[in-house]
């Protein structure tokens, strides 16, 4: 009878430890998924900023080329006009 009680006690303890470990693992998996989602969002933001930076560099290069080769200047003010018939 002692052995049966001991086996039941050990089984209960093992089941309890198993459940506790499963809960810890599931919490950590949830945190990991949230962290991965946040990281992906930040990576997309970095890619967008890199594209904007590359576009600005291209525009600056074109502006310098037009100024040096063709003597054009970049206006800070845009003048709109309309042709009347």
N, C-alpha and C. Protein backbone atom coordinates (compact mmCIF):
# COMPACT_ATOMS: atom_id res chain seq x y z
N UNK A 1 0.82 -1.19 0.00
CA UNK A 1 0.00 0.00 0.00
C UNK A 1 0.87 1.26 0.00
N UNK A 2 1.99 1.18 0.72
CA UNK A 2 2.90 2.31 0.74
C UNK A 2 3.44 2.61 -0.65
N UNK A 3 3.75 1.56 -1.38
CA UNK A 3 4.32 1.74 -2.71
C UNK A 3 3.31 2.40 -3.66
N UNK A 4 2.07 2.01 -3.56
CA UNK A 4 1.03 2.58 -4.42
C UNK A 4 0.88 4.07 -4.11
N UNK A 5 0.85 4.42 -2.84
CA UNK A 5 0.75 5.83 -2.44
C UNK A 5 1.96 6.62 -2.91
N UNK A 6 3.15 6.02 -2.80
CA UNK A 6 4.38 6.67 -3.25
C UNK A 6 4.35 6.89 -4.77
N UNK A 7 3.91 5.89 -5.52
CA UNK A 7 3.81 6.01 -6.97
C UNK A 7 2.80 7.09 -7.39
N UNK A 8 1.68 7.13 -6.68
CA UNK A 8 0.66 8.15 -6.98
C UNK A 8 1.21 9.54 -6.67
N UNK A 9 1.93 9.68 -5.57
CA UNK A 9 2.53 10.96 -5.20
C UNK A 9 3.56 11.41 -6.23
N UNK A 10 4.42 10.49 -6.65
CA UNK A 10 5.43 10.82 -7.65
C UNK A 10 4.76 11.19 -8.98
N UNK A 11 3.74 10.45 -9.36
CA UNK A 11 3.03 10.74 -10.61
C UNK A 11 2.37 12.12 -10.55
N UNK A 12 1.79 12.46 -9.40
CA UNK A 12 1.16 13.76 -9.22
C UNK A 12 2.19 14.88 -9.33
N UNK A 13 3.33 14.70 -8.68
CA UNK A 13 4.40 15.70 -8.73
C UNK A 13 4.90 15.87 -10.16
N UNK A 14 5.12 14.76 -10.85
CA UNK A 14 5.60 14.83 -12.24
C UNK A 14 4.59 15.54 -13.15
N UNK A 15 3.33 15.24 -12.97
CA UNK A 15 2.30 15.89 -13.79
C UNK A 15 2.25 17.40 -13.52
N UNK A 16 2.37 17.77 -12.25
CA UNK A 16 2.36 19.18 -11.88
C UNK A 16 3.55 19.91 -12.50
N UNK A 17 4.73 19.32 -12.38
CA UNK A 17 5.94 19.92 -12.96
C UNK A 17 5.79 20.03 -14.48
N UNK A 18 5.23 19.00 -15.09
CA UNK A 18 5.04 19.00 -16.54
C UNK A 18 4.11 20.14 -16.96
N UNK A 19 3.02 20.33 -16.26
CA UNK A 19 2.07 21.40 -16.58
C UNK A 19 2.72 22.76 -16.40
N UNK A 20 3.48 22.93 -15.32
CA UNK A 20 4.17 24.20 -15.08
C UNK A 20 5.15 24.50 -16.21
N UNK A 21 5.90 23.51 -16.63
CA UNK A 21 6.86 23.70 -17.72
C UNK A 21 6.15 24.04 -19.03
N UNK A 22 5.03 23.38 -19.30
CA UNK A 22 4.26 23.69 -20.51
C UNK A 22 3.77 25.13 -20.50
N UNK A 23 3.32 25.61 -19.35
CA UNK A 23 2.86 26.99 -19.24
C UNK A 23 4.01 27.97 -19.50
N UNK A 24 5.18 27.68 -18.93
CA UNK A 24 6.34 28.55 -19.15
C UNK A 24 6.73 28.59 -20.62
N UNK A 25 6.74 27.43 -21.25
CA UNK A 25 7.11 27.36 -22.66
C UNK A 25 6.11 28.12 -23.52
N UNK A 26 4.83 27.97 -23.25
CA UNK A 26 3.82 28.66 -24.05
C UNK A 26 3.91 30.17 -23.88
N UNK A 27 4.19 30.64 -22.67
CA UNK A 27 4.37 32.09 -22.45
C UNK A 27 5.57 32.61 -23.23
N UNK A 28 6.66 31.86 -23.19
CA UNK A 28 7.86 32.30 -23.90
C UNK A 28 7.67 32.26 -25.41
N UNK A 29 6.91 31.30 -25.91
CA UNK A 29 6.61 31.25 -27.34
C UNK A 29 5.77 32.47 -27.75
N UNK A 30 4.85 32.86 -26.90
CA UNK A 30 4.02 34.02 -27.18
C UNK A 30 4.88 35.28 -27.25
N UNK A 31 5.78 35.44 -26.29
CA UNK A 31 6.69 36.59 -26.29
C UNK A 31 7.58 36.56 -27.52
N UNK A 32 8.04 35.38 -27.90
CA UNK A 32 8.89 35.24 -29.09
C UNK A 32 8.14 35.66 -30.35
N UNK A 33 6.89 35.25 -30.49
CA UNK A 33 6.09 35.63 -31.66
C UNK A 33 5.90 37.14 -31.71
N UNK A 34 5.63 37.76 -30.57
CA UNK A 34 5.46 39.22 -30.52
C UNK A 34 6.76 39.92 -30.90
N UNK A 35 7.88 39.40 -30.40
CA UNK A 35 9.18 39.99 -30.71
C UNK A 35 9.50 39.86 -32.19
N UNK A 36 9.20 38.72 -32.77
CA UNK A 36 9.45 38.51 -34.20
C UNK A 36 8.59 39.46 -35.03
N UNK A 37 7.33 39.63 -34.65
CA UNK A 37 6.45 40.55 -35.38
C UNK A 37 6.98 41.98 -35.29
N UNK A 38 7.44 42.38 -34.11
CA UNK A 38 8.00 43.72 -33.93
C UNK A 38 9.26 43.89 -34.77
N UNK A 39 10.10 42.87 -34.78
CA UNK A 39 11.34 42.91 -35.56
C UNK A 39 11.04 43.03 -37.06
N UNK A 40 10.06 42.29 -37.56
CA UNK A 40 9.68 42.38 -38.97
C UNK A 40 9.18 43.77 -39.32
N UNK A 41 8.41 44.38 -38.41
CA UNK A 41 7.92 45.73 -38.63
C UNK A 41 9.09 46.71 -38.72
N UNK A 42 10.06 46.56 -37.82
CA UNK A 42 11.23 47.43 -37.84
C UNK A 42 12.06 47.23 -39.10
N UNK A 43 12.19 45.98 -39.56
CA UNK A 43 12.93 45.71 -40.80
C UNK A 43 12.25 46.38 -41.99
N UNK A 44 10.93 46.34 -42.05
CA UNK A 44 10.20 47.00 -43.13
C UNK A 44 10.43 48.51 -43.08
N UNK A 45 10.44 49.06 -41.87
CA UNK A 45 10.67 50.49 -41.71
C UNK A 45 12.08 50.86 -42.19
N UNK A 46 13.06 50.04 -41.85
CA UNK A 46 14.44 50.30 -42.28
C UNK A 46 14.53 50.22 -43.80
N UNK A 47 13.91 49.23 -44.41
CA UNK A 47 13.93 49.11 -45.87
C UNK A 47 13.30 50.33 -46.54
N UNK A 48 12.19 50.81 -45.97
CA UNK A 48 11.52 51.99 -46.52
C UNK A 48 12.44 53.21 -46.42
N UNK A 49 13.10 53.37 -45.28
CA UNK A 49 14.00 54.50 -45.11
C UNK A 49 15.21 54.41 -46.04
N UNK A 50 15.71 53.20 -46.26
CA UNK A 50 16.82 53.02 -47.20
C UNK A 50 16.40 53.41 -48.61
N UNK A 51 15.19 53.03 -48.99
CA UNK A 51 14.71 53.39 -50.33
C UNK A 51 14.57 54.91 -50.46
N UNK A 52 14.05 55.57 -49.42
CA UNK A 52 13.92 57.02 -49.45
C UNK A 52 15.30 57.67 -49.55
N UNK A 53 16.26 57.17 -48.81
CA UNK A 53 17.62 57.71 -48.83
C UNK A 53 18.24 57.53 -50.21
N UNK A 54 18.08 56.33 -50.79
CA UNK A 54 18.62 56.09 -52.13
C UNK A 54 17.98 57.01 -53.15
N UNK A 55 16.68 57.24 -53.03
CA UNK A 55 15.99 58.15 -53.94
C UNK A 55 16.54 59.56 -53.81
N UNK A 56 16.76 60.00 -52.57
CA UNK A 56 17.32 61.34 -52.36
C UNK A 56 18.71 61.44 -52.96
N UNK A 57 19.53 60.42 -52.79
CA UNK A 57 20.87 60.45 -53.37
C UNK A 57 20.80 60.55 -54.89
N UNK A 58 19.89 59.80 -55.49
CA UNK A 58 19.74 59.85 -56.93
C UNK A 58 19.33 61.24 -57.39
N UNK A 59 18.41 61.87 -56.68
CA UNK A 59 17.97 63.21 -57.04
C UNK A 59 19.10 64.21 -56.88
N UNK A 60 19.89 64.08 -55.83
CA UNK A 60 21.03 64.98 -55.64
C UNK A 60 22.05 64.79 -56.76
N UNK A 61 22.28 63.56 -57.15
CA UNK A 61 23.23 63.27 -58.23
C UNK A 61 22.74 63.90 -59.54
N UNK A 62 21.46 63.74 -59.83
CA UNK A 62 20.90 64.31 -61.05
C UNK A 62 21.00 65.84 -61.01
N UNK A 63 20.69 66.42 -59.86
CA UNK A 63 20.79 67.88 -59.72
C UNK A 63 22.20 68.39 -59.93
N UNK A 64 23.18 67.72 -59.35
CA UNK A 64 24.57 68.13 -59.53
C UNK A 64 25.00 67.99 -60.99
N UNK A 65 24.59 66.89 -61.61
CA UNK A 65 24.95 66.65 -63.00
C UNK A 65 24.36 67.74 -63.90
N UNK A 66 23.11 68.10 -63.68
CA UNK A 66 22.47 69.13 -64.50
C UNK A 66 23.13 70.48 -64.27
N UNK A 67 23.53 70.77 -63.03
CA UNK A 67 24.19 72.03 -62.74
C UNK A 67 25.56 72.10 -63.39
N UNK A 68 26.33 71.04 -63.28
CA UNK A 68 27.69 71.04 -63.79
C UNK A 68 27.74 70.97 -65.32
N UNK A 69 26.99 70.09 -65.91
CA UNK A 69 27.10 69.85 -67.35
C UNK A 69 26.28 70.82 -68.19
N UNK A 70 25.12 71.20 -67.72
CA UNK A 70 24.23 71.99 -68.56
C UNK A 70 23.98 73.39 -68.02
N UNK A 71 24.58 73.73 -66.90
CA UNK A 71 24.46 75.08 -66.36
C UNK A 71 23.08 75.40 -65.80
N UNK A 72 22.30 74.42 -65.48
CA UNK A 72 20.97 74.65 -64.92
C UNK A 72 21.07 74.85 -63.41
N UNK A 73 20.10 75.56 -62.87
CA UNK A 73 20.06 75.75 -61.43
C UNK A 73 18.76 75.16 -60.89
N UNK A 74 18.80 74.79 -59.64
CA UNK A 74 17.62 74.22 -58.99
C UNK A 74 16.91 75.34 -58.26
N UNK A 75 15.66 75.54 -58.58
CA UNK A 75 14.87 76.60 -57.98
C UNK A 75 14.20 76.09 -56.71
N UNK A 76 14.20 76.94 -55.69
CA UNK A 76 13.51 76.61 -54.46
C UNK A 76 12.04 77.00 -54.54
N UNK A 77 11.73 77.87 -55.53
CA UNK A 77 10.37 78.36 -55.69
C UNK A 77 9.88 77.93 -57.07
N UNK A 78 8.69 77.42 -57.14
CA UNK A 78 8.12 76.98 -58.41
C UNK A 78 7.13 78.04 -58.88
N UNK A 79 7.34 78.51 -60.09
CA UNK A 79 6.44 79.50 -60.69
C UNK A 79 5.48 78.78 -61.62
N UNK A 80 4.21 78.93 -61.37
CA UNK A 80 3.20 78.33 -62.22
C UNK A 80 2.70 79.38 -63.20
N UNK A 81 2.38 78.96 -64.38
CA UNK A 81 1.84 79.89 -65.37
C UNK A 81 0.72 79.21 -66.14
N UNK A 82 -0.05 80.05 -66.80
CA UNK A 82 -1.19 79.54 -67.56
C UNK A 82 -1.20 80.27 -68.90
N UNK A 83 -1.47 79.54 -69.95
CA UNK A 83 -1.54 80.13 -71.28
C UNK A 83 -3.00 80.36 -71.62
N UNK A 84 -3.32 81.61 -71.94
CA UNK A 84 -4.69 81.96 -72.33
C UNK A 84 -4.77 82.02 -73.84
N UNK A 85 -5.82 81.52 -74.39
CA UNK A 85 -5.99 81.56 -75.85
C UNK A 85 -6.87 82.70 -76.26
